PDB file of N, CA and C in Angstrom:
ATOM      1  N   ASP A   1     196.662  35.157 163.520  1.00  0.00           N
ATOM      2  CA  ASP A   1     197.745  35.829 163.973  1.00  0.00           C
ATOM      3  C   ASP A   1     198.879  34.826 163.270  1.00  0.00           C
ATOM      4  N   GLU A   2     199.253  33.989 163.767  1.00  0.00           N
ATOM      5  CA  GLU A   2     200.431  33.413 163.520  1.00  0.00           C
ATOM      6  C   GLU A   2     200.590  33.014 161.332  1.00  0.00           C
ATOM      7  N   HIS A   3     199.428  32.949 161.329  1.00  0.00           N
ATOM      8  CA  HIS A   3     199.730  32.257 159.590  1.00  0.00           C
ATOM      9  C   HIS A   3     199.704  33.948 158.904  1.00  0.00           C
ATOM     10  N   TYR A   4     199.146  34.718 159.591  1.00  0.00           N
ATOM     11  CA  TYR A   4     198.485  36.148 158.521  1.00  0.00           C
ATOM     12  C   TYR A   4     198.984  37.427 159.098  1.00  0.00           C
ATOM     13  N   SER A   5     200.323  37.392 159.699  1.00  0.00           N
ATOM     14  CA  SER A   5     200.780  38.707 160.431  1.00  0.00           C
ATOM     15  C   SER A   5     201.778  38.905 158.891  1.00  0.00           C
ATOM     16  N   ALA A   6     201.940  40.158 159.317  1.00  0.00           N
ATOM     17  CA  ALA A   6     202.798  40.989 158.493  1.00  0.00           C
ATOM     18  C   ALA A   6     204.087  40.544 157.901  1.00  0.00           C
ATOM     19  N   GLU A   7     204.796  39.647 158.915  1.00  0.00           N
ATOM     20  CA  GLU A   7     205.707  39.017 158.985  1.00  0.00           C
ATOM     21  C   GLU A   7     205.408  37.392 158.362  1.00  0.00           C
ATOM     22  N   ALA A   8     205.136  36.588 158.773  1.00  0.00           N
ATOM     23  CA  ALA A   8     204.316  35.673 158.005  1.00  0.00           C
ATOM     24  C   ALA A   8     204.279  35.870 156.658  1.00  0.00           C
ATOM     25  N   LEU A   9     203.441  36.830 156.300  1.00  0.00           N
ATOM     26  CA  LEU A   9     203.316  37.158 154.543  1.00  0.00           C
ATOM     27  C   LEU A   9     204.936  37.224 154.262  1.00  0.00           C
ATOM     28  N   GLU A  10     205.422  37.960 154.508  1.00  0.00           N
ATOM     29  CA  GLU A  10     206.875  37.861 154.034  1.00  0.00           C
ATOM     30  C   GLU A  10     207.397  36.830 153.813  1.00  0.00           C
ATOM     31  N   ARG A  11     207.544  36.016 154.822  1.00  0.00           N
ATOM     32  CA  ARG A  11     208.422  34.835 154.554  1.00  0.00           C
ATOM     33  C   ARG A  11     208.111  33.757 153.819  1.00  0.00           C
ATOM     34  N   ILE A  12     206.886  34.089 153.147  1.00  0.00           N
ATOM     35  CA  ILE A  12     206.227  33.137 151.979  1.00  0.00           C
ATOM     36  C   ILE A  12     207.147  33.193 150.737  1.00  0.00           C
ATOM     37  N   PHE A  13     207.640  34.428 150.607  1.00  0.00           N
ATOM     38  CA  PHE A  13     208.188  34.757 149.579  1.00  0.00           C
ATOM     39  C   PHE A  13     209.949  34.338 149.571  1.00  0.00           C
ATOM     40  N   ASP A  14     210.370  33.848 151.087  1.00  0.00           N
ATOM     41  CA  ASP A  14     211.787  33.077 151.221  1.00  0.00           C
ATOM     42  C   ASP A  14     212.000  31.980 150.171  1.00  0.00           C
ATOM     43  N   ASP A  15     210.748  31.804 149.870  1.00  0.00           N
ATOM     44  CA  ASP A  15     210.921  30.393 148.993  1.00  0.00           C
ATOM     45  C   ASP A  15     211.080  30.898 147.462  1.00  0.00           C
ATOM     46  N   ALA A  16     211.902  30.508 146.802  1.00  0.00           N
ATOM     47  CA  ALA A  16     212.117  30.853 145.604  1.00  0.00           C
ATOM     48  C   ALA A  16     211.238  30.495 144.504  1.00  0.00           C
ATOM     49  N   CYS A  17     210.647  29.296 144.908  1.00  0.00           N
ATOM     50  CA  CYS A  17     209.428  28.752 143.871  1.00  0.00           C
ATOM     51  C   CYS A  17     208.150  29.546 144.358  1.00  0.00           C
ATOM     52  N   VAL A  18     208.096  30.417 145.050  1.00  0.00           N
ATOM     53  CA  VAL A  18     207.035  31.223 145.032  1.00  0.00           C
ATOM     54  C   VAL A  18     206.969  32.532 144.434  1.00  0.00           C
ATOM     55  N   CYS A  19     205.688  32.810 143.684  1.00  0.00           N
ATOM     56  CA  CYS A  19     205.900  34.131 143.520  1.00  0.00           C
ATOM     57  C   CYS A  19     204.634  35.029 143.561  1.00  0.00           C
ATOM     58  N   GLY A  20     204.693  36.436 143.430  1.00  0.00           N
ATOM     59  CA  GLY A  20     203.303  37.301 143.628  1.00  0.00           C
ATOM     60  C   GLY A  20     203.435  38.131 142.438  1.00  0.00           C
ATOM     61  N   PHE A  21     202.254  38.558 141.830  1.00  0.00           N
ATOM     62  CA  PHE A  21     202.283  39.423 141.096  1.00  0.00           C
ATOM     63  C   PHE A  21     200.984  40.379 141.650  1.00  0.00           C
ATOM     64  N   VAL A  22     200.979  41.645 141.582  1.00  0.00           N
ATOM     65  CA  VAL A  22     199.847  42.950 141.814  1.00  0.00           C
ATOM     66  C   VAL A  22     199.360  43.845 141.023  1.00  0.00           C
ATOM     67  N   ALA A  23     198.395  43.580 140.510  1.00  0.00           N
ATOM     68  CA  ALA A  23     197.544  44.416 139.353  1.00  0.00           C
ATOM     69  C   ALA A  23     197.588  45.914 140.007  1.00  0.00           C
ATOM     70  N   GLU A  24     198.027  46.753 139.026  1.00  0.00           N
ATOM     71  CA  GLU A  24     197.551  48.410 139.564  1.00  0.00           C
ATOM     72  C   GLU A  24     196.591  48.625 138.483  1.00  0.00           C
ATOM     73  N   VAL A  25     196.170  49.926 139.054  1.00  0.00           N
ATOM     74  CA  VAL A  25     195.118  50.971 138.160  1.00  0.00           C
ATOM     75  C   VAL A  25     195.269  52.244 138.623  1.00  0.00           C
ATOM     76  N   ALA A  26     195.805  52.880 138.000  1.00  0.00           N
ATOM     77  CA  ALA A  26     195.676  54.360 138.561  1.00  0.00           C
ATOM     78  C   ALA A  26     196.886  54.580 139.750  1.00  0.00           C
ATOM     79  N   GLY A  27     197.979  53.858 139.659  1.00  0.00           N
ATOM     80  CA  GLY A  27     198.623  53.439 140.972  1.00  0.00           C
ATOM     81  C   GLY A  27     198.099  52.557 142.359  1.00  0.00           C
ATOM     82  N   ASN A  28     196.576  52.251 142.127  1.00  0.00           N
ATOM     83  CA  ASN A  28     196.090  51.342 143.156  1.00  0.00           C
ATOM     84  C   ASN A  28     195.611  50.018 142.863  1.00  0.00           C
ATOM     85  N   ALA A  29     196.310  49.146 144.097  1.00  0.00           N
ATOM     86  CA  ALA A  29     196.316  47.930 143.459  1.00  0.00           C
ATOM     87  C   ALA A  29     194.801  47.428 143.601  1.00  0.00           C
ATOM     88  N   VAL A  30     194.587  46.389 142.678  1.00  0.00           N
ATOM     89  CA  VAL A  30     193.233  46.210 142.176  1.00  0.00           C
ATOM     90  C   VAL A  30     193.125  44.523 141.992  1.00  0.00           C
ATOM     91  N   GLY A  31     194.124  43.910 142.340  1.00  0.00           N
ATOM     92  CA  GLY A  31     194.157  42.288 142.225  1.00  0.00           C
ATOM     93  C   GLY A  31     195.316  41.899 142.466  1.00  0.00           C
ATOM     94  N   TYR A  32     195.865  40.582 142.954  1.00  0.00           N
ATOM     95  CA  TYR A  32     197.041  40.383 142.629  1.00  0.00           C
ATOM     96  C   TYR A  32     196.791  38.392 142.918  1.00  0.00           C
ATOM     97  N   ALA A  33     197.931  38.128 142.463  1.00  0.00           N
ATOM     98  CA  ALA A  33     197.996  36.498 142.392  1.00  0.00           C
ATOM     99  C   ALA A  33     199.259  36.213 142.633  1.00  0.00           C
ATOM    100  N   LYS A  34     198.982  34.864 143.356  1.00  0.00           N
ATOM    101  CA  LYS A  34     199.960  34.040 144.116  1.00  0.00           C
ATOM    102  C   LYS A  34     200.178  32.423 143.396  1.00  0.00           C
ATOM    103  N   GLY A  35     201.699  32.316 143.232  1.00  0.00           N
ATOM    104  CA  GLY A  35     201.804  30.994 142.648  1.00  0.00           C
ATOM    105  C   GLY A  35     202.831  30.162 143.354  1.00  0.00           C
ATOM    106  N   CYS A  36     203.137  28.985 143.131  1.00  0.00           N
ATOM    107  CA  CYS A  36     204.069  28.291 143.708  1.00  0.00           C
ATOM    108  C   CYS A  36     204.470  26.934 142.889  1.00  0.00           C
ATOM    109  N   PHE A  37     205.788  26.625 142.807  1.00  0.00           N
ATOM    110  CA  PHE A  37     206.427  25.124 141.982  1.00  0.00           C
ATOM    111  C   PHE A  37     206.629  24.447 143.246  1.00  0.00           C
ATOM    112  N   ASN A  38     205.998  23.307 143.199  1.00  0.00           N
ATOM    113  CA  ASN A  38     206.203  22.212 144.226  1.00  0.00           C
ATOM    114  C   ASN A  38     207.137  21.343 143.464  1.00  0.00           C
ATOM    115  N   LYS A  39     208.571  21.092 143.964  1.00  0.00           N
ATOM    116  CA  LYS A  39     209.265  20.432 143.189  1.00  0.00           C
ATOM    117  C   LYS A  39     209.024  19.124 143.038  1.00  0.00           C
ATOM    118  N   THR A  40     208.399  18.989 144.628  1.00  0.00           N
ATOM    119  CA  THR A  40     207.856  17.228 144.463  1.00  0.00           C
ATOM    120  C   THR A  40     207.221  16.650 143.842  1.00  0.00           C
ATOM    121  N   GLU A  41     206.276  17.323 143.372  1.00  0.00           N
ATOM    122  CA  GLU A  41     205.577  16.769 142.526  1.00  0.00           C
ATOM    123  C   GLU A  41     205.494  17.137 140.935  1.00  0.00           C
ATOM    124  N   ASN A  42     206.202  18.594 140.723  1.00  0.00           N
ATOM    125  CA  ASN A  42     206.345  18.416 139.416  1.00  0.00           C
ATOM    126  C   ASN A  42     205.521  19.665 138.811  1.00  0.00           C
ATOM    127  N   ARG A  43     204.603  20.285 139.711  1.00  0.00           N
ATOM    128  CA  ARG A  43     203.728  21.200 139.564  1.00  0.00           C
ATOM    129  C   ARG A  43     203.570  22.259 139.919  1.00  0.00           C
ATOM    130  N   PHE A  44     203.146  23.435 138.853  1.00  0.00           N
ATOM    131  CA  PHE A  44     202.779  24.712 139.089  1.00  0.00           C
ATOM    132  C   PHE A  44     201.207  24.955 139.855  1.00  0.00           C
ATOM    133  N   TYR A  45     201.029  25.027 140.541  1.00  0.00           N
ATOM    134  CA  TYR A  45     200.240  25.267 141.438  1.00  0.00           C
ATOM    135  C   TYR A  45     199.861  27.522 142.116  1.00  0.00           C
ATOM    136  N   ILE A  46     198.361  27.497 140.944  1.00  0.00           N
ATOM    137  CA  ILE A  46     198.273  28.979 141.164  1.00  0.00           C
ATOM    138  C   ILE A  46     197.400  28.815 142.666  1.00  0.00           C
ATOM    139  N   ASN A  47     198.005  29.797 143.756  1.00  0.00           N
ATOM    140  CA  ASN A  47     196.851  29.140 145.073  1.00  0.00           C
ATOM    141  C   ASN A  47     196.330  30.597 145.297  1.00  0.00           C
ATOM    142  N   SER A  48     196.248  31.698 144.513  1.00  0.00           N
ATOM    143  CA  SER A  48     194.997  32.483 144.626  1.00  0.00           C
ATOM    144  C   SER A  48     194.988  33.718 143.662  1.00  0.00           C
ATOM    145  N   ILE A  49     194.018  34.209 142.949  1.00  0.00           N
ATOM    146  CA  ILE A  49     193.961  35.114 141.963  1.00  0.00           C
ATOM    147  C   ILE A  49     192.445  35.792 142.277  1.00  0.00           C
ATOM    148  N   TYR A  50     192.853  37.082 142.787  1.00  0.00           N
ATOM    149  CA  TYR A  50     191.938  38.196 143.380  1.00  0.00           C
ATOM    150  C   TYR A  50     191.917  39.256 142.611  1.00  0.00           C
ATOM    151  N   VAL A  51     190.606  40.109 142.431  1.00  0.00           N
ATOM    152  CA  VAL A  51     190.313  41.154 141.563  1.00  0.00           C
ATOM    153  C   VAL A  51     189.313  42.023 141.925  1.00  0.00           C
ATOM    154  N   LEU A  52     189.756  43.046 142.496  1.00  0.00           N
ATOM    155  CA  LEU A  52     188.421  43.826 143.329  1.00  0.00           C
ATOM    156  C   LEU A  52     187.178  43.815 143.203  1.00  0.00           C
ATOM    157  N   PRO A  53     185.878  43.623 143.091  1.00  0.00           N
ATOM    158  CA  PRO A  53     184.881  43.561 142.617  1.00  0.00           C
ATOM    159  C   PRO A  53     184.892  44.437 141.138  1.00  0.00           C
ATOM    160  N   ASP A  54     184.765  45.649 141.677  1.00  0.00           N
ATOM    161  CA  ASP A  54     184.354  46.998 140.984  1.00  0.00           C
ATOM    162  C   ASP A  54     185.677  46.934 139.843  1.00  0.00           C
ATOM    163  N   HIS A  55     186.699  46.112 139.708  1.00  0.00           N
ATOM    164  CA  HIS A  55     187.645  45.924 138.517  1.00  0.00           C
ATOM    165  C   HIS A  55     187.502  44.540 137.823  1.00  0.00           C
ATOM    166  N   GLN A  56     186.383  43.358 138.185  1.00  0.00           N
ATOM    167  CA  GLN A  56     186.309  42.539 137.539  1.00  0.00           C
ATOM    168  C   GLN A  56     185.697  42.676 136.144  1.00  0.00           C
ATOM    169  N   GLY A  57     185.601  41.653 135.082  1.00  0.00           N
ATOM    170  CA  GLY A  57     185.719  41.846 133.746  1.00  0.00           C
ATOM    171  C   GLY A  57     186.335  42.991 133.232  1.00  0.00           C
ATOM    172  N   GLY A  58     187.356  43.233 133.158  1.00  0.00           N
ATOM    173  CA  GLY A  58     187.867  44.076 132.475  1.00  0.00           C
ATOM    174  C   GLY A  58     189.397  43.187 131.929  1.00  0.00           C
ATOM    175  N   GLY A  59     189.501  42.276 132.182  1.00  0.00           N
ATOM    176  CA  GLY A  59     190.807  41.492 132.093  1.00  0.00           C
ATOM    177  C   GLY A  59     192.092  41.189 132.598  1.00  0.00           C
ATOM    178  N   ILE A  60     191.651  41.998 134.099  1.00  0.00           N
ATOM    179  CA  ILE A  60     192.680  42.042 134.714  1.00  0.00           C
ATOM    180  C   ILE A  60     193.166  40.693 135.547  1.00  0.00           C
ATOM    181  N   GLY A  61     192.234  39.900 135.983  1.00  0.00           N
ATOM    182  CA  GLY A  61     192.226  38.263 136.344  1.00  0.00           C
ATOM    183  C   GLY A  61     193.117  37.801 135.199  1.00  0.00           C
ATOM    184  N   THR A  62     192.781  37.688 133.680  1.00  0.00           N
ATOM    185  CA  THR A  62     193.200  37.289 132.785  1.00  0.00           C
ATOM    186  C   THR A  62     194.773  37.471 132.314  1.00  0.00           C
ATOM    187  N   MET A  63     195.152  39.039 132.802  1.00  0.00           N
ATOM    188  CA  MET A  63     196.101  38.858 132.642  1.00  0.00           C
ATOM    189  C   MET A  63     197.200  38.301 134.149  1.00  0.00           C
ATOM    190  N   LEU A  64     196.485  38.091 135.030  1.00  0.00           N
ATOM    191  CA  LEU A  64     197.163  37.987 136.271  1.00  0.00           C
ATOM    192  C   LEU A  64     197.451  36.122 136.206  1.00  0.00           C
ATOM    193  N   LEU A  65     196.310  35.643 135.290  1.00  0.00           N
ATOM    194  CA  LEU A  65     196.748  34.273 135.166  1.00  0.00           C
ATOM    195  C   LEU A  65     197.550  34.258 134.303  1.00  0.00           C
ATOM    196  N   ASN A  66     197.672  34.896 133.150  1.00  0.00           N
ATOM    197  CA  ASN A  66     198.475  34.879 132.309  1.00  0.00           C
ATOM    198  C   ASN A  66     200.371  34.884 132.785  1.00  0.00           C
ATOM    199  N   VAL A  67     200.448  35.843 133.680  1.00  0.00           N
ATOM    200  CA  VAL A  67     201.864  36.135 134.113  1.00  0.00           C
ATOM    201  C   VAL A  67     202.164  34.654 135.129  1.00  0.00           C
ATOM    202  N   CYS A  68     201.207  34.097 135.854  1.00  0.00           N
ATOM    203  CA  CYS A  68     201.318  33.212 136.376  1.00  0.00           C
ATOM    204  C   CYS A  68     201.634  32.070 135.469  1.00  0.00           C
ATOM    205  N   ILE A  69     200.908  31.625 134.091  1.00  0.00           N
ATOM    206  CA  ILE A  69     201.117  30.728 133.402  1.00  0.00           C
ATOM    207  C   ILE A  69     202.643  30.803 132.763  1.00  0.00           C
ATOM    208  N   GLU A  70     203.084  32.162 132.651  1.00  0.00           N
ATOM    209  CA  GLU A  70     204.418  32.234 132.182  1.00  0.00           C
ATOM    210  C   GLU A  70     205.572  31.612 133.240  1.00  0.00           C
ATOM    211  N   ARG A  71     205.120  32.034 134.345  1.00  0.00           N
ATOM    212  CA  ARG A  71     206.423  31.565 135.352  1.00  0.00           C
ATOM    213  C   ARG A  71     206.132  30.222 135.097  1.00  0.00           C
ATOM    214  N   ALA A  72     205.056  29.259 135.354  1.00  0.00           N
ATOM    215  CA  ALA A  72     205.133  28.214 135.394  1.00  0.00           C
ATOM    216  C   ALA A  72     205.664  27.243 134.420  1.00  0.00           C
ATOM    217  N   ARG A  73     205.598  28.178 133.027  1.00  0.00           N
ATOM    218  CA  ARG A  73     206.405  27.834 131.792  1.00  0.00           C
ATOM    219  C   ARG A  73     208.080  27.652 132.083  1.00  0.00           C
ATOM    220  N   SER A  74     208.632  28.419 132.707  1.00  0.00           N
ATOM    221  CA  SER A  74     209.732  28.844 133.542  1.00  0.00           C
ATOM    222  C   SER A  74     210.025  27.111 134.009  1.00  0.00           C
ATOM    223  N   TYR A  75     209.354  26.648 134.714  1.00  0.00           N
ATOM    224  CA  TYR A  75     209.521  25.294 135.614  1.00  0.00           C
ATOM    225  C   TYR A  75     209.769  24.587 134.425  1.00  0.00           C
ATOM    226  N   ASN A  76     209.103  24.365 133.461  1.00  0.00           N
ATOM    227  CA  ASN A  76     208.838  23.603 131.867  1.00  0.00           C
ATOM    228  C   ASN A  76     208.086  22.220 132.453  1.00  0.00           C
ATOM    229  N   VAL A  77     206.635  23.089 133.077  1.00  0.00           N
ATOM    230  CA  VAL A  77     205.826  22.308 133.360  1.00  0.00           C
ATOM    231  C   VAL A  77     204.361  22.465 132.222  1.00  0.00           C
ATOM    232  N   SER A  78     203.508  21.412 132.252  1.00  0.00           N
ATOM    233  CA  SER A  78     202.613  21.081 130.869  1.00  0.00           C
ATOM    234  C   SER A  78     201.510  21.664 131.448  1.00  0.00           C
ATOM    235  N   GLU A  79     200.952  21.839 132.876  1.00  0.00           N
ATOM    236  CA  GLU A  79     200.028  22.730 133.022  1.00  0.00           C
ATOM    237  C   GLU A  79     199.975  23.382 134.110  1.00  0.00           C
ATOM    238  N   VAL A  80     199.079  24.522 134.745  1.00  0.00           N
ATOM    239  CA  VAL A  80     199.085  24.963 136.133  1.00  0.00           C
ATOM    240  C   VAL A  80     197.751  24.055 136.653  1.00  0.00           C
ATOM    241  N   TRP A  81     197.770  23.596 137.983  1.00  0.00           N
ATOM    242  CA  TRP A  81     196.931  23.835 138.756  1.00  0.00           C
ATOM    243  C   TRP A  81     196.418  24.862 140.034  1.00  0.00           C
ATOM    244  N   LEU A  82     194.649  24.493 140.632  1.00  0.00           N
ATOM    245  CA  LEU A  82     194.114  25.228 141.311  1.00  0.00           C
ATOM    246  C   LEU A  82     193.375  24.961 141.935  1.00  0.00           C
ATOM    247  N   GLY A  83     192.561  25.256 142.767  1.00  0.00           N
ATOM    248  CA  GLY A  83     191.495  25.049 143.571  1.00  0.00           C
ATOM    249  C   GLY A  83     190.385  26.045 143.136  1.00  0.00           C
ATOM    250  N   VAL A  84     189.216  26.110 143.314  1.00  0.00           N
ATOM    251  CA  VAL A  84     188.206  27.071 143.259  1.00  0.00           C
ATOM    252  C   VAL A  84     187.226  26.913 144.278  1.00  0.00           C
ATOM    253  N   MET A  85     186.290  27.772 145.313  1.00  0.00           N
ATOM    254  CA  MET A  85     185.429  27.392 146.096  1.00  0.00           C
ATOM    255  C   MET A  85     184.406  26.724 145.261  1.00  0.00           C
ATOM    256  N   ALA A  86     183.927  25.840 145.406  1.00  0.00           N
ATOM    257  CA  ALA A  86     182.833  24.882 145.112  1.00  0.00           C
ATOM    258  C   ALA A  86     181.388  25.940 144.719  1.00  0.00           C
ATOM    259  N   LYS A  87     181.156  26.870 145.911  1.00  0.00           N
ATOM    260  CA  LYS A  87     180.346  27.765 145.835  1.00  0.00           C
ATOM    261  C   LYS A  87     180.686  28.979 144.879  1.00  0.00           C
ATOM    262  N   ASN A  88     181.916  29.029 144.419  1.00  0.00           N
ATOM    263  CA  ASN A  88     181.593  30.398 143.897  1.00  0.00           C
ATOM    264  C   ASN A  88     181.711  29.873 142.264  1.00  0.00           C
ATOM    265  N   VAL A  89     180.612  29.814 142.032  1.00  0.00           N
ATOM    266  CA  VAL A  89     179.694  29.567 140.535  1.00  0.00           C
ATOM    267  C   VAL A  89     180.367  30.350 139.763  1.00  0.00           C
ATOM    268  N   GLU A  90     180.768  31.627 139.557  1.00  0.00           N
ATOM    269  CA  GLU A  90     181.159  32.932 138.644  1.00  0.00           C
ATOM    270  C   GLU A  90     182.034  32.582 138.148  1.00  0.00           C
ATOM    271  N   ALA A  91     183.571  32.414 139.364  1.00  0.00           N
ATOM    272  CA  ALA A  91     184.717  31.538 139.487  1.00  0.00           C
ATOM    273  C   ALA A  91     184.601  30.451 138.410  1.00  0.00           C
ATOM    274  N   HIS A  92     184.453  29.686 138.639  1.00  0.00           N
ATOM    275  CA  HIS A  92     184.392  28.421 138.331  1.00  0.00           C
ATOM    276  C   HIS A  92     183.758  28.127 137.063  1.00  0.00           C
ATOM    277  N   ALA A  93     182.736  28.869 136.166  1.00  0.00           N
ATOM    278  CA  ALA A  93     182.384  29.001 135.080  1.00  0.00           C
ATOM    279  C   ALA A  93     183.279  29.976 133.904  1.00  0.00           C
ATOM    280  N   TRP A  94     183.979  30.773 134.851  1.00  0.00           N
ATOM    281  CA  TRP A  94     185.143  31.667 134.564  1.00  0.00           C
ATOM    282  C   TRP A  94     186.287  30.206 134.159  1.00  0.00           C
ATOM    283  N   TYR A  95     186.547  29.672 135.034  1.00  0.00           N
ATOM    284  CA  TYR A  95     187.710  28.950 134.962  1.00  0.00           C
ATOM    285  C   TYR A  95     187.691  27.801 133.628  1.00  0.00           C
ATOM    286  N   LYS A  96     186.808  27.273 133.721  1.00  0.00           N
ATOM    287  CA  LYS A  96     185.924  26.495 132.827  1.00  0.00           C
ATOM    288  C   LYS A  96     185.848  26.923 131.404  1.00  0.00           C
ATOM    289  N   LYS A  97     185.855  28.218 131.259  1.00  0.00           N
ATOM    290  CA  LYS A  97     185.503  29.020 129.907  1.00  0.00           C
ATOM    291  C   LYS A  97     186.666  28.986 129.442  1.00  0.00           C
ATOM    292  N   ILE A  98     187.762  29.536 130.263  1.00  0.00           N
ATOM    293  CA  ILE A  98     188.971  29.227 129.708  1.00  0.00           C
ATOM    294  C   ILE A  98     189.979  28.363 129.279  1.00  0.00           C
ATOM    295  N   GLY A  99     189.524  27.337 130.038  1.00  0.00           N
ATOM    296  CA  GLY A  99     190.305  26.265 129.315  1.00  0.00           C
ATOM    297  C   GLY A  99     190.296  24.954 130.667  1.00  0.00           C
ATOM    298  N   PHE A 100     190.001  25.243 131.991  1.00  0.00           N
ATOM    299  CA  PHE A 100     190.662  24.543 133.429  1.00  0.00           C
ATOM    300  C   PHE A 100     188.946  23.106 133.256  1.00  0.00           C
ATOM    301  N   LYS A 101     190.252  22.095 133.659  1.00  0.00           N
ATOM    302  CA  LYS A 101     189.200  20.910 133.639  1.00  0.00           C
ATOM    303  C   LYS A 101     189.484  20.766 135.392  1.00  0.00           C
ATOM    304  N   PHE A 102     188.105  20.143 135.671  1.00  0.00           N
ATOM    305  CA  PHE A 102     188.024  20.243 137.281  1.00  0.00           C
ATOM    306  C   PHE A 102     187.741  18.759 137.793  1.00  0.00           C
ATOM    307  N   VAL A 103     188.686  18.237 138.161  1.00  0.00           N
ATOM    308  CA  VAL A 103     188.854  16.586 138.283  1.00  0.00           C
ATOM    309  C   VAL A 103     188.485  16.272 139.536  1.00  0.00           C
ATOM    310  N   ARG A 104     188.557  17.083 140.871  1.00  0.00           N
ATOM    311  CA  ARG A 104     187.958  16.662 142.361  1.00  0.00           C
ATOM    312  C   ARG A 104     187.452  17.704 143.083  1.00  0.00           C
ATOM    313  N   GLU A 105     187.023  17.049 143.975  1.00  0.00           N
ATOM    314  CA  GLU A 105     186.544  17.915 145.151  1.00  0.00           C
ATOM    315  C   GLU A 105     186.740  17.531 146.218  1.00  0.00           C
ATOM    316  N   GLU A 106     187.853  18.761 147.127  1.00  0.00           N
ATOM    317  CA  GLU A 106     188.544  18.701 148.500  1.00  0.00           C
ATOM    318  C   GLU A 106     188.072  19.373 149.817  1.00  0.00           C
ATOM    319  N   PRO A 107     188.025  19.254 150.811  1.00  0.00           N
ATOM    320  CA  PRO A 107     187.853  20.556 151.747  1.00  0.00           C
ATOM    321  C   PRO A 107     189.226  21.271 151.575  1.00  0.00           C
ATOM    322  N   PHE A 108     189.001  22.205 152.230  1.00  0.00           N
ATOM    323  CA  PHE A 108     189.740  23.340 152.269  1.00  0.00           C
ATOM    324  C   PHE A 108     190.214  23.798 153.691  1.00  0.00           C
ATOM    325  N   ILE A 109     190.790  23.757 154.628  1.00  0.00           N
ATOM    326  CA  ILE A 109     190.572  24.185 155.736  1.00  0.00           C
ATOM    327  C   ILE A 109     191.309  25.051 156.656  1.00  0.00           C
ATOM    328  N   MET A 110     190.875  26.428 157.149  1.00  0.00           N
ATOM    329  CA  MET A 110     191.127  27.248 157.423  1.00  0.00           C
ATOM    330  C   MET A 110     190.889  27.730 158.859  1.00  0.00           C
ATOM    331  N   GLY A 111     191.857  27.444 159.917  1.00  0.00           N
ATOM    332  CA  GLY A 111     191.247  27.497 161.233  1.00  0.00           C
ATOM    333  C   GLY A 111     189.888  26.461 161.503  1.00  0.00           C
ATOM    334  N   GLN A 112     189.068  27.368 162.108  1.00  0.00           N
ATOM    335  CA  GLN A 112     187.881  26.226 162.271  1.00  0.00           C
ATOM    336  C   GLN A 112     187.002  26.237 161.253  1.00  0.00           C
ATOM    337  N   THR A 113     187.522  26.735 160.109  1.00  0.00           N
ATOM    338  CA  THR A 113     186.750  26.805 158.855  1.00  0.00           C
ATOM    339  C   THR A 113     186.711  25.692 157.553  1.00  0.00           C
ATOM    340  N   THR A 114     185.929  24.900 157.232  1.00  0.00           N
ATOM    341  CA  THR A 114     185.865  23.913 156.472  1.00  0.00           C
ATOM    342  C   THR A 114     185.308  24.268 154.887  1.00  0.00           C
ATOM    343  N   VAL A 115     185.952  24.607 153.902  1.00  0.00           N
ATOM    344  CA  VAL A 115     185.112  25.002 152.674  1.00  0.00           C
ATOM    345  C   VAL A 115     185.294  23.946 151.472  1.00  0.00           C
ATOM    346  N   SER A 116     184.478  23.652 151.037  1.00  0.00           N
ATOM    347  CA  SER A 116     184.458  22.735 149.701  1.00  0.00           C
ATOM    348  C   SER A 116     185.186  23.446 148.634  1.00  0.00           C
ATOM    349  N   HIS A 117     186.308  22.650 147.755  1.00  0.00           N
ATOM    350  CA  HIS A 117     187.357  23.376 146.665  1.00  0.00           C
ATOM    351  C   HIS A 117     187.139  22.366 145.781  1.00  0.00           C
ATOM    352  N   LEU A 118     187.055  22.806 144.344  1.00  0.00           N
ATOM    353  CA  LEU A 118     187.366  21.831 143.270  1.00  0.00           C
ATOM    354  C   LEU A 118     188.676  22.559 142.964  1.00  0.00           C
ATOM    355  N   ILE A 119     189.078  21.111 142.411  1.00  0.00           N
ATOM    356  CA  ILE A 119     190.683  20.969 142.192  1.00  0.00           C
ATOM    357  C   ILE A 119     190.786  21.069 140.526  1.00  0.00           C
ATOM    358  N   GLY A 120     190.959  21.939 140.054  1.00  0.00           N
ATOM    359  CA  GLY A 120     191.144  21.500 138.361  1.00  0.00           C
ATOM    360  C   GLY A 120     192.977  21.971 137.832  1.00  0.00           C
ATOM    361  N   TYR A 121     192.874  21.823 136.697  1.00  0.00           N
ATOM    362  CA  TYR A 121     194.022  22.530 135.833  1.00  0.00           C
ATOM    363  C   TYR A 121     194.076  22.760 134.471  1.00  0.00           C
ATOM    364  N   LYS A 122     194.917  23.194 133.744  1.00  0.00           N
ATOM    365  CA  LYS A 122     194.846  23.559 132.760  1.00  0.00           C
ATOM    366  C   LYS A 122     196.106  23.480 131.960  1.00  0.00           C
ATOM    367  N   PRO A 123     195.848  22.848 130.935  1.00  0.00           N
ATOM    368  CA  PRO A 123     197.237  22.878 130.187  1.00  0.00           C
ATOM    369  C   PRO A 123     198.218  24.190 129.273  1.00  0.00           C
ATOM    370  N   ILE A 124     199.296  24.356 129.366  1.00  0.00           N
ATOM    371  CA  ILE A 124     199.691  24.799 128.901  1.00  0.00           C
ATOM    372  C   ILE A 124     201.049  25.135 128.067  1.00  0.00           C
TER     373      ILE A 124
END
């Protein structure tokens, strides 16, 4: 509740370096992406791209990725970074197909749950 209340989620966008995009089909939200420029590392991270299962495979994920890349370019970075759950074989294959190179595996901890993530980047 502390991190995922409506108020907490709204506060994320108080930081000008955080961006979010929603994909709609016929007025309904079907996907979203969130990214963040890290000033200290001079890196742009795509924190999440999600598309509802019924709308996957139609280019929405690519569109969301591309708007994140355009935002990243506004920070004059040469690549975008992201993490994908190691068990999400389909997403990992998609990211590799579109040019991401995965360089390490790290744990991602949320509450009492730890999930292994593959960390990668794509030149832009």
